[in-house]
């Protein structure tokens, strides 16, 4: 099943396009491996964060049955990336927040 990944706040700046594609691919893989169909990042503000601090992104993951018109449920996970925009060698990565949240 395809995964809808939305990278919020990631400008289409050609200087960061390679990193953007790699991060997108990793988020998509994490979602597929865990049965999620949608992944939406926090506002990344790539220029301010990526080069200064290394990249860690909080992502809302959703299963298809959680997405409704009135109420959407999701789980949060923080993903850590290295300077090459690959998943960092950190345990745990992703770091799951553990509970199901609701946007009600």
PDB file of N, CA and C in Angstrom:
ATOM      1  N   UNK A   1       0.843  -1.173   0.000  1.00  0.00           N
ATOM      2  CA  UNK A   1       0.000   0.000   0.000  1.00  0.00           C
ATOM      3  C   UNK A   1       0.894   1.243   0.000  1.00  0.00           C
ATOM      4  N   UNK A   2       0.588   2.233  -0.830  1.00  0.00           N
ATOM      5  CA  UNK A   2       1.426   3.437  -0.875  1.00  0.00           C
ATOM      6  C   UNK A   2       1.306   4.267   0.403  1.00  0.00           C
ATOM      7  N   UNK A   3       2.366   4.973   0.713  1.00  0.00           N
ATOM      8  CA  UNK A   3       2.407   5.829   1.890  1.00  0.00           C
ATOM      9  C   UNK A   3       2.417   7.286   1.438  1.00  0.00           C
ATOM     10  N   UNK A   4       1.565   8.097   2.046  1.00  0.00           N
ATOM     11  CA  UNK A   4       1.524   9.525   1.782  1.00  0.00           C
ATOM     12  C   UNK A   4       2.432  10.201   2.806  1.00  0.00           C
ATOM     13  N   UNK A   5       3.571  10.725   2.353  1.00  0.00           N
ATOM     14  CA  UNK A   5       4.524  11.405   3.235  1.00  0.00           C
ATOM     15  C   UNK A   5       4.474  12.894   2.924  1.00  0.00           C
ATOM     16  N   UNK A   6       4.292  13.691   3.975  1.00  0.00           N
ATOM     17  CA  UNK A   6       4.288  15.147   3.826  1.00  0.00           C
ATOM     18  C   UNK A   6       5.407  15.733   4.680  1.00  0.00           C
ATOM     19  N   UNK A   7       6.335  16.406   4.005  1.00  0.00           N
ATOM     20  CA  UNK A   7       7.431  17.071   4.703  1.00  0.00           C
ATOM     21  C   UNK A   7       7.063  18.540   4.857  1.00  0.00           C
ATOM     22  N   UNK A   8       6.544  18.901   6.003  1.00  0.00           N
ATOM     23  CA  UNK A   8       6.057  20.258   6.257  1.00  0.00           C
ATOM     24  C   UNK A   8       7.237  21.194   6.493  1.00  0.00           C
ATOM     25  N   UNK A   9       7.251  22.318   5.781  1.00  0.00           N
ATOM     26  CA  UNK A   9       8.269  23.333   5.996  1.00  0.00           C
ATOM     27  C   UNK A   9       9.588  23.081   5.296  1.00  0.00           C
ATOM     28  N   UNK A  10       9.653  22.058   4.479  1.00  0.00           N
ATOM     29  CA  UNK A  10      10.893  21.763   3.773  1.00  0.00           C
ATOM     30  C   UNK A  10      10.815  22.433   2.412  1.00  0.00           C
ATOM     31  N   UNK A  11      11.494  23.548   2.299  1.00  0.00           N
ATOM     32  CA  UNK A  11      11.502  24.273   1.033  1.00  0.00           C
ATOM     33  C   UNK A  11      12.133  23.421  -0.056  1.00  0.00           C
ATOM     34  N   UNK A  12      11.727  23.666  -1.267  1.00  0.00           N
ATOM     35  CA  UNK A  12      12.330  22.948  -2.394  1.00  0.00           C
ATOM     36  C   UNK A  12      13.584  23.688  -2.854  1.00  0.00           C
ATOM     37  N   UNK A  13      14.478  23.876  -1.918  1.00  0.00           N
ATOM     38  CA  UNK A  13      15.749  24.522  -2.178  1.00  0.00           C
ATOM     39  C   UNK A  13      16.671  23.471  -2.784  1.00  0.00           C
ATOM     40  N   UNK A  14      17.202  23.706  -3.974  1.00  0.00           N
ATOM     41  CA  UNK A  14      18.040  22.692  -4.626  1.00  0.00           C
ATOM     42  C   UNK A  14      19.260  22.292  -3.790  1.00  0.00           C
ATOM     43  N   UNK A  15      19.723  23.157  -2.898  1.00  0.00           N
ATOM     44  CA  UNK A  15      20.875  22.800  -2.065  1.00  0.00           C
ATOM     45  C   UNK A  15      20.562  21.651  -1.115  1.00  0.00           C
ATOM     46  N   UNK A  16      19.291  21.454  -0.790  1.00  0.00           N
ATOM     47  CA  UNK A  16      18.895  20.414   0.166  1.00  0.00           C
ATOM     48  C   UNK A  16      18.078  19.296  -0.476  1.00  0.00           C
ATOM     49  N   UNK A  17      17.985  19.273  -1.796  1.00  0.00           N
ATOM     50  CA  UNK A  17      17.113  18.305  -2.466  1.00  0.00           C
ATOM     51  C   UNK A  17      17.562  16.862  -2.219  1.00  0.00           C
ATOM     52  N   UNK A  18      18.856  16.608  -2.240  1.00  0.00           N
ATOM     53  CA  UNK A  18      19.345  15.245  -1.995  1.00  0.00           C
ATOM     54  C   UNK A  18      18.949  14.782  -0.598  1.00  0.00           C
ATOM     55  N   UNK A  19      19.160  15.653   0.409  1.00  0.00           N
ATOM     56  CA  UNK A  19      18.791  15.312   1.776  1.00  0.00           C
ATOM     57  C   UNK A  19      17.283  15.116   1.891  1.00  0.00           C
ATOM     58  N   UNK A  20      16.526  15.968   1.238  1.00  0.00           N
ATOM     59  CA  UNK A  20      15.059  15.875   1.265  1.00  0.00           C
ATOM     60  C   UNK A  20      14.595  14.523   0.740  1.00  0.00           C
ATOM     61  N   UNK A  21      15.149  14.100  -0.372  1.00  0.00           N
ATOM     62  CA  UNK A  21      14.767  12.818  -0.966  1.00  0.00           C
ATOM     63  C   UNK A  21      15.126  11.653  -0.055  1.00  0.00           C
ATOM     64  N   UNK A  22      16.288  11.716   0.571  1.00  0.00           N
ATOM     65  CA  UNK A  22      16.725  10.629   1.453  1.00  0.00           C
ATOM     66  C   UNK A  22      15.848  10.558   2.706  1.00  0.00           C
ATOM     67  N   UNK A  23      15.563  11.719   3.310  1.00  0.00           N
ATOM     68  CA  UNK A  23      14.704  11.748   4.498  1.00  0.00           C
ATOM     69  C   UNK A  23      13.317  11.235   4.148  1.00  0.00           C
ATOM     70  N   UNK A  24      12.778  11.671   3.022  1.00  0.00           N
ATOM     71  CA  UNK A  24      11.462  11.210   2.551  1.00  0.00           C
ATOM     72  C   UNK A  24      11.451   9.683   2.449  1.00  0.00           C
ATOM     73  N   UNK A  25      12.479   9.129   1.813  1.00  0.00           N
ATOM     74  CA  UNK A  25      12.563   7.669   1.626  1.00  0.00           C
ATOM     75  C   UNK A  25      12.606   6.938   2.971  1.00  0.00           C
ATOM     76  N   UNK A  26      13.387   7.456   3.924  1.00  0.00           N
ATOM     77  CA  UNK A  26      13.486   6.797   5.228  1.00  0.00           C
ATOM     78  C   UNK A  26      12.154   6.852   5.985  1.00  0.00           C
ATOM     79  N   UNK A  27      11.476   7.993   5.951  1.00  0.00           N
ATOM     80  CA  UNK A  27      10.173   8.109   6.617  1.00  0.00           C
ATOM     81  C   UNK A  27       9.174   7.164   5.962  1.00  0.00           C
ATOM     82  N   UNK A  28       9.200   7.090   4.650  1.00  0.00           N
ATOM     83  CA  UNK A  28       8.309   6.185   3.922  1.00  0.00           C
ATOM     84  C   UNK A  28       8.568   4.728   4.316  1.00  0.00           C
ATOM     85  N   UNK A  29       9.826   4.349   4.430  1.00  0.00           N
ATOM     86  CA  UNK A  29      10.178   2.971   4.814  1.00  0.00           C
ATOM     87  C   UNK A  29       9.720   2.646   6.235  1.00  0.00           C
ATOM     88  N   UNK A  30       9.928   3.574   7.173  1.00  0.00           N
ATOM     89  CA  UNK A  30       9.483   3.357   8.556  1.00  0.00           C
ATOM     90  C   UNK A  30       7.969   3.177   8.590  1.00  0.00           C
ATOM     91  N   UNK A  31       7.255   4.009   7.840  1.00  0.00           N
ATOM     92  CA  UNK A  31       5.793   3.905   7.799  1.00  0.00           C
ATOM     93  C   UNK A  31       5.365   2.540   7.245  1.00  0.00           C
ATOM     94  N   UNK A  32       5.929   2.129   6.137  1.00  0.00           N
ATOM     95  CA  UNK A  32       5.570   0.836   5.532  1.00  0.00           C
ATOM     96  C   UNK A  32       5.857  -0.327   6.473  1.00  0.00           C
ATOM     97  N   UNK A  33       7.036  -0.310   7.095  1.00  0.00           N
ATOM     98  CA  UNK A  33       7.431  -1.395   8.000  1.00  0.00           C
ATOM     99  C   UNK A  33       6.490  -1.534   9.190  1.00  0.00           C
ATOM    100  N   UNK A  34       5.822  -0.450   9.559  1.00  0.00           N
ATOM    101  CA  UNK A  34       4.978  -0.455  10.749  1.00  0.00           C
ATOM    102  C   UNK A  34       3.483  -0.368  10.440  1.00  0.00           C
ATOM    103  N   UNK A  35       3.113  -0.498   9.166  1.00  0.00           N
ATOM    104  CA  UNK A  35       1.708  -0.558   8.784  1.00  0.00           C
ATOM    105  C   UNK A  35       0.983   0.777   8.715  1.00  0.00           C
ATOM    106  N   UNK A  36       1.728   1.871   8.538  1.00  0.00           N
ATOM    107  CA  UNK A  36       1.100   3.188   8.438  1.00  0.00           C
ATOM    108  C   UNK A  36       0.968   3.609   6.983  1.00  0.00           C
ATOM    109  N   UNK A  37      -0.082   4.394   6.694  1.00  0.00           N
ATOM    110  CA  UNK A  37      -0.320   4.838   5.320  1.00  0.00           C
ATOM    111  C   UNK A  37      -0.082   6.329   5.140  1.00  0.00           C
ATOM    112  N   UNK A  38       0.110   7.038   6.250  1.00  0.00           N
ATOM    113  CA  UNK A  38       0.324   8.480   6.173  1.00  0.00           C
ATOM    114  C   UNK A  38       1.363   8.880   7.214  1.00  0.00           C
ATOM    115  N   UNK A  39       2.250   9.798   6.815  1.00  0.00           N
ATOM    116  CA  UNK A  39       3.268  10.324   7.722  1.00  0.00           C
ATOM    117  C   UNK A  39       3.412  11.815   7.455  1.00  0.00           C
ATOM    118  N   UNK A  40       3.216  12.623   8.498  1.00  0.00           N
ATOM    119  CA  UNK A  40       3.303  14.078   8.372  1.00  0.00           C
ATOM    120  C   UNK A  40       4.332  14.571   9.377  1.00  0.00           C
ATOM    121  N   UNK A  41       5.326  15.310   8.890  1.00  0.00           N
ATOM    122  CA  UNK A  41       6.369  15.802   9.780  1.00  0.00           C
ATOM    123  C   UNK A  41       5.935  17.077  10.479  1.00  0.00           C
ATOM    124  N   UNK A  42       6.597  17.354  11.587  1.00  0.00           N
ATOM    125  CA  UNK A  42       6.481  18.679  12.189  1.00  0.00           C
ATOM    126  C   UNK A  42       7.085  19.668  11.195  1.00  0.00           C
ATOM    127  N   UNK A  43       6.909  20.944  11.436  1.00  0.00           N
ATOM    128  CA  UNK A  43       7.517  21.951  10.581  1.00  0.00           C
ATOM    129  C   UNK A  43       9.029  21.848  10.727  1.00  0.00           C
ATOM    130  N   UNK A  44       9.695  21.444   9.679  1.00  0.00           N
ATOM    131  CA  UNK A  44      11.118  21.118   9.744  1.00  0.00           C
ATOM    132  C   UNK A  44      12.010  22.352   9.830  1.00  0.00           C
ATOM    133  N   UNK A  45      11.644  23.422   9.167  1.00  0.00           N
ATOM    134  CA  UNK A  45      12.482  24.628   9.127  1.00  0.00           C
ATOM    135  C   UNK A  45      13.919  24.235   8.808  1.00  0.00           C
ATOM    136  N   UNK A  46      14.073  23.604   7.677  1.00  0.00           N
ATOM    137  CA  UNK A  46      15.322  22.934   7.327  1.00  0.00           C
ATOM    138  C   UNK A  46      16.548  23.821   7.435  1.00  0.00           C
ATOM    139  N   UNK A  47      16.498  25.015   6.952  1.00  0.00           N
ATOM    140  CA  UNK A  47      17.703  25.848   6.957  1.00  0.00           C
ATOM    141  C   UNK A  47      18.167  26.162   8.367  1.00  0.00           C
ATOM    142  N   UNK A  48      17.220  26.342   9.278  1.00  0.00           N
ATOM    143  CA  UNK A  48      17.579  26.712  10.640  1.00  0.00           C
ATOM    144  C   UNK A  48      18.104  25.535  11.451  1.00  0.00           C
ATOM    145  N   UNK A  49      17.635  24.320  11.156  1.00  0.00           N
ATOM    146  CA  UNK A  49      17.959  23.195  12.034  1.00  0.00           C
ATOM    147  C   UNK A  49      18.969  22.224  11.474  1.00  0.00           C
ATOM    148  N   UNK A  50      18.852  21.902  10.200  1.00  0.00           N
ATOM    149  CA  UNK A  50      19.605  20.766   9.681  1.00  0.00           C
ATOM    150  C   UNK A  50      21.110  20.944   9.807  1.00  0.00           C
ATOM    151  N   UNK A  51      21.609  22.042   9.338  1.00  0.00           N
ATOM    152  CA  UNK A  51      23.055  22.235   9.340  1.00  0.00           C
ATOM    153  C   UNK A  51      23.603  22.579  10.728  1.00  0.00           C
ATOM    154  N   UNK A  52      22.784  23.161  11.586  1.00  0.00           N
ATOM    155  CA  UNK A  52      23.273  23.570  12.895  1.00  0.00           C
ATOM    156  C   UNK A  52      23.274  22.434  13.914  1.00  0.00           C
ATOM    157  N   UNK A  53      22.199  21.660  13.954  1.00  0.00           N
ATOM    158  CA  UNK A  53      22.025  20.702  15.050  1.00  0.00           C
ATOM    159  C   UNK A  53      22.017  19.247  14.609  1.00  0.00           C
ATOM    160  N   UNK A  54      22.074  18.963  13.321  1.00  0.00           N
ATOM    161  CA  UNK A  54      21.765  17.627  12.864  1.00  0.00           C
ATOM    162  C   UNK A  54      20.260  17.541  12.813  1.00  0.00           C
ATOM    163  N   UNK A  55      19.744  16.575  12.171  1.00  0.00           N
ATOM    164  CA  UNK A  55      18.310  16.563  11.936  1.00  0.00           C
ATOM    165  C   UNK A  55      17.618  15.507  12.786  1.00  0.00           C
ATOM    166  N   UNK A  56      16.639  15.953  13.532  1.00  0.00           N
ATOM    167  CA  UNK A  56      15.707  15.047  14.181  1.00  0.00           C
ATOM    168  C   UNK A  56      14.316  15.603  13.897  1.00  0.00           C
ATOM    169  N   UNK A  57      13.435  14.725  13.533  1.00  0.00           N
ATOM    170  CA  UNK A  57      12.105  15.133  13.097  1.00  0.00           C
ATOM    171  C   UNK A  57      11.062  14.340  13.867  1.00  0.00           C
ATOM    172  N   UNK A  58      10.045  15.029  14.363  1.00  0.00           N
ATOM    173  CA  UNK A  58       8.901  14.350  14.945  1.00  0.00           C
ATOM    174  C   UNK A  58       7.873  14.159  13.841  1.00  0.00           C
ATOM    175  N   UNK A  59       7.388  12.923  13.723  1.00  0.00           N
ATOM    176  CA  UNK A  59       6.479  12.558  12.641  1.00  0.00           C
ATOM    177  C   UNK A  59       5.194  11.976  13.218  1.00  0.00           C
ATOM    178  N   UNK A  60       4.045  12.410  12.669  1.00  0.00           N
ATOM    179  CA  UNK A  60       2.751  11.796  12.993  1.00  0.00           C
ATOM    180  C   UNK A  60       2.522  10.679  11.985  1.00  0.00           C
ATOM    181  N   UNK A  61       2.368   9.462  12.487  1.00  0.00           N
ATOM    182  CA  UNK A  61       2.078   8.315  11.624  1.00  0.00           C
ATOM    183  C   UNK A  61       0.628   7.905  11.826  1.00  0.00           C
ATOM    184  N   UNK A  62      -0.047   7.574  10.715  1.00  0.00           N
ATOM    185  CA  UNK A  62      -1.451   7.170  10.785  1.00  0.00           C
ATOM    186  C   UNK A  62      -1.705   5.894   9.987  1.00  0.00           C
ATOM    187  N   UNK A  63      -2.586   5.062  10.537  1.00  0.00           N
ATOM    188  CA  UNK A  63      -3.097   3.891   9.818  1.00  0.00           C
ATOM    189  C   UNK A  63      -4.353   4.321   9.061  1.00  0.00           C
ATOM    190  N   UNK A  64      -4.699   3.599   8.024  1.00  0.00           N
ATOM    191  CA  UNK A  64      -5.839   4.006   7.189  1.00  0.00           C
ATOM    192  C   UNK A  64      -7.133   4.080   7.987  1.00  0.00           C
ATOM    193  N   UNK A  65      -7.338   3.159   8.926  1.00  0.00           N
ATOM    194  CA  UNK A  65      -8.586   3.159   9.699  1.00  0.00           C
ATOM    195  C   UNK A  65      -8.649   4.302  10.711  1.00  0.00           C
ATOM    196  N   UNK A  66      -7.540   4.980  10.953  1.00  0.00           N
ATOM    197  CA  UNK A  66      -7.528   6.097  11.889  1.00  0.00           C
ATOM    198  C   UNK A  66      -7.883   7.423  11.236  1.00  0.00           C
ATOM    199  N   UNK A  67      -7.902   7.468   9.927  1.00  0.00           N
ATOM    200  CA  UNK A  67      -8.143   8.722   9.208  1.00  0.00           C
ATOM    201  C   UNK A  67      -9.624   8.819   8.867  1.00  0.00           C
ATOM    202  N   UNK A  68     -10.315   9.739   9.542  1.00  0.00           N
ATOM    203  CA  UNK A  68     -11.741   9.944   9.293  1.00  0.00           C
ATOM    204  C   UNK A  68     -12.006  11.427   9.125  1.00  0.00           C
ATOM    205  N   UNK A  69     -13.231  11.770   8.752  1.00  0.00           N
ATOM    206  CA  UNK A  69     -13.590  13.172   8.569  1.00  0.00           C
ATOM    207  C   UNK A  69     -13.646  13.928   9.892  1.00  0.00           C
ATOM    208  N   UNK A  70     -14.102  13.269  10.940  1.00  0.00           N
ATOM    209  CA  UNK A  70     -14.328  13.956  12.212  1.00  0.00           C
ATOM    210  C   UNK A  70     -13.159  13.834  13.183  1.00  0.00           C
ATOM    211  N   UNK A  71     -12.427  12.758  13.102  1.00  0.00           N
ATOM    212  CA  UNK A  71     -11.403  12.490  14.097  1.00  0.00           C
ATOM    213  C   UNK A  71     -10.259  11.716  13.456  1.00  0.00           C
ATOM    214  N   UNK A  72      -9.057  12.178  13.649  1.00  0.00           N
ATOM    215  CA  UNK A  72      -7.896  11.457  13.144  1.00  0.00           C
ATOM    216  C   UNK A  72      -7.001  11.072  14.307  1.00  0.00           C
ATOM    217  N   UNK A  73      -6.685   9.806  14.393  1.00  0.00           N
ATOM    218  CA  UNK A  73      -5.768   9.315  15.422  1.00  0.00           C
ATOM    219  C   UNK A  73      -4.384   9.172  14.799  1.00  0.00           C
ATOM    220  N   UNK A  74      -3.366   9.274  15.644  1.00  0.00           N
ATOM    221  CA  UNK A  74      -2.002   9.145  15.151  1.00  0.00           C
ATOM    222  C   UNK A  74      -1.072   8.762  16.297  1.00  0.00           C
ATOM    223  N   UNK A  75       0.089   8.259  15.939  1.00  0.00           N
ATOM    224  CA  UNK A  75       1.164   8.033  16.898  1.00  0.00           C
ATOM    225  C   UNK A  75       2.324   8.932  16.496  1.00  0.00           C
ATOM    226  N   UNK A  76       3.098   9.319  17.482  1.00  0.00           N
ATOM    227  CA  UNK A  76       4.259  10.162  17.230  1.00  0.00           C
ATOM    228  C   UNK A  76       5.540   9.349  17.351  1.00  0.00           C
ATOM    229  N   UNK A  77       6.491   9.691  16.510  1.00  0.00           N
ATOM    230  CA  UNK A  77       7.822   9.113  16.609  1.00  0.00           C
ATOM    231  C   UNK A  77       8.836  10.182  16.242  1.00  0.00           C
ATOM    232  N   UNK A  78       9.956  10.156  16.897  1.00  0.00           N
ATOM    233  CA  UNK A  78      11.057  11.048  16.546  1.00  0.00           C
ATOM    234  C   UNK A  78      12.096  10.218  15.807  1.00  0.00           C
ATOM    235  N   UNK A  79      12.486  10.702  14.643  1.00  0.00           N
ATOM    236  CA  UNK A  79      13.513  10.050  13.839  1.00  0.00           C
ATOM    237  C   UNK A  79      14.756  10.925  13.847  1.00  0.00           C
ATOM    238  N   UNK A  80      15.913  10.283  14.016  1.00  0.00           N
ATOM    239  CA  UNK A  80      17.187  10.991  14.065  1.00  0.00           C
ATOM    240  C   UNK A  80      17.973  10.654  12.809  1.00  0.00           C
ATOM    241  N   UNK A  81      18.568  11.680  12.203  1.00  0.00           N
ATOM    242  CA  UNK A  81      19.314  11.519  10.970  1.00  0.00           C
ATOM    243  C   UNK A  81      20.737  12.017  11.163  1.00  0.00           C
ATOM    244  N   UNK A  82      21.660  11.407  10.419  1.00  0.00           N
ATOM    245  CA  UNK A  82      23.050  11.867  10.463  1.00  0.00           C
ATOM    246  C   UNK A  82      23.269  12.943   9.398  1.00  0.00           C
ATOM    247  N   UNK A  83      24.492  13.388   9.237  1.00  0.00           N
ATOM    248  CA  UNK A  83      24.820  14.443   8.286  1.00  0.00           C
ATOM    249  C   UNK A  83      24.596  14.077   6.839  1.00  0.00           C
ATOM    250  N   UNK A  84      24.428  12.783   6.547  1.00  0.00           N
ATOM    251  CA  UNK A  84      24.159  12.331   5.181  1.00  0.00           C
ATOM    252  C   UNK A  84      22.665  12.109   4.941  1.00  0.00           C
ATOM    253  N   UNK A  85      21.839  12.476   5.909  1.00  0.00           N
ATOM    254  CA  UNK A  85      20.390  12.302   5.845  1.00  0.00           C
ATOM    255  C   UNK A  85      19.987  10.830   5.846  1.00  0.00           C
ATOM    256  N   UNK A  86      20.811   9.992   6.474  1.00  0.00           N
ATOM    257  CA  UNK A  86      20.451   8.602   6.721  1.00  0.00           C
ATOM    258  C   UNK A  86      20.032   8.493   8.178  1.00  0.00           C
ATOM    259  N   UNK A  87      19.287   7.447   8.501  1.00  0.00           N
ATOM    260  CA  UNK A  87      18.908   7.252   9.900  1.00  0.00           C
ATOM    261  C   UNK A  87      20.177   7.123  10.742  1.00  0.00           C
ATOM    262  N   UNK A  88      20.252   7.886  11.792  1.00  0.00           N
ATOM    263  CA  UNK A  88      21.440   7.896  12.652  1.00  0.00           C
ATOM    264  C   UNK A  88      21.539   6.591  13.431  1.00  0.00           C
ATOM    265  N   UNK A  89      22.756   6.254  13.786  1.00  0.00           N
ATOM    266  CA  UNK A  89      23.016   5.061  14.591  1.00  0.00           C
ATOM    267  C   UNK A  89      22.765   5.431  16.046  1.00  0.00           C
ATOM    268  N   UNK A  90      21.496   5.386  16.420  1.00  0.00           N
ATOM    269  CA  UNK A  90      21.056   5.785  17.759  1.00  0.00           C
ATOM    270  C   UNK A  90      20.005   4.775  18.202  1.00  0.00           C
ATOM    271  N   UNK A  91      20.002   4.435  19.453  1.00  0.00           N
ATOM    272  CA  UNK A  91      19.041   3.461  19.945  1.00  0.00           C
ATOM    273  C   UNK A  91      18.142   4.121  20.983  1.00  0.00           C
ATOM    274  N   UNK A  92      16.844   4.143  20.814  1.00  0.00           N
ATOM    275  CA  UNK A  92      16.099   3.633  19.665  1.00  0.00           C
ATOM    276  C   UNK A  92      15.982   4.690  18.561  1.00  0.00           C
ATOM    277  N   UNK A  93      15.879   4.249  17.359  1.00  0.00           N
ATOM    278  CA  UNK A  93      15.641   5.129  16.218  1.00  0.00           C
ATOM    279  C   UNK A  93      14.831   4.343  15.194  1.00  0.00           C
ATOM    280  N   UNK A  94      13.577   4.635  15.014  1.00  0.00           N
ATOM    281  CA  UNK A  94      12.847   5.762  15.568  1.00  0.00           C
ATOM    282  C   UNK A  94      12.510   5.573  17.052  1.00  0.00           C
ATOM    283  N   UNK A  95      12.297   6.706  17.697  1.00  0.00           N
ATOM    284  CA  UNK A  95      11.900   6.727  19.104  1.00  0.00           C
ATOM    285  C   UNK A  95      10.383   6.943  19.139  1.00  0.00           C
ATOM    286  N   UNK A  96       9.636   5.868  19.388  1.00  0.00           N
ATOM    287  CA  UNK A  96       8.171   5.938  19.395  1.00  0.00           C
ATOM    288  C   UNK A  96       7.698   6.542  20.709  1.00  0.00           C
ATOM    289  N   UNK A  97       6.696   7.423  20.632  1.00  0.00           N
ATOM    290  CA  UNK A  97       6.187   8.099  21.815  1.00  0.00           C
ATOM    291  C   UNK A  97       5.207   7.219  22.590  1.00  0.00           C
ATOM    292  N   UNK A  98       4.697   6.147  21.969  1.00  0.00           N
ATOM    293  CA  UNK A  98       3.988   5.121  22.697  1.00  0.00           C
ATOM    294  C   UNK A  98       2.486   5.176  22.786  1.00  0.00           C
ATOM    295  N   UNK A  99       1.867   6.325  22.727  1.00  0.00           N
ATOM    296  CA  UNK A  99       0.420   6.317  22.864  1.00  0.00           C
ATOM    297  C   UNK A  99      -0.248   6.819  21.593  1.00  0.00           C
ATOM    298  N   UNK A 100      -1.521   6.528  21.465  1.00  0.00           N
ATOM    299  CA  UNK A 100      -2.295   6.981  20.315  1.00  0.00           C
ATOM    300  C   UNK A 100      -2.967   8.298  20.694  1.00  0.00           C
ATOM    301  N   UNK A 101      -2.714   9.311  19.899  1.00  0.00           N
ATOM    302  CA  UNK A 101      -3.288  10.637  20.114  1.00  0.00           C
ATOM    303  C   UNK A 101      -4.462  10.838  19.190  1.00  0.00           C
ATOM    304  N   UNK A 102      -5.291  11.807  19.516  1.00  0.00           N
ATOM    305  CA  UNK A 102      -6.448  12.125  18.695  1.00  0.00           C
ATOM    306  C   UNK A 102      -6.448  13.610  18.399  1.00  0.00           C
ATOM    307  N   UNK A 103      -6.844  13.970  17.180  1.00  0.00           N
ATOM    308  CA  UNK A 103      -6.884  15.382  16.803  1.00  0.00           C
ATOM    309  C   UNK A 103      -8.213  16.025  17.122  1.00  0.00           C
ATOM    310  N   UNK A 104      -9.062  15.339  17.892  1.00  0.00           N
ATOM    311  CA  UNK A 104     -10.371  15.863  18.295  1.00  0.00           C
ATOM    312  C   UNK A 104     -10.242  17.128  19.084  1.00  0.00           C
TER     313      UNK A 104
END
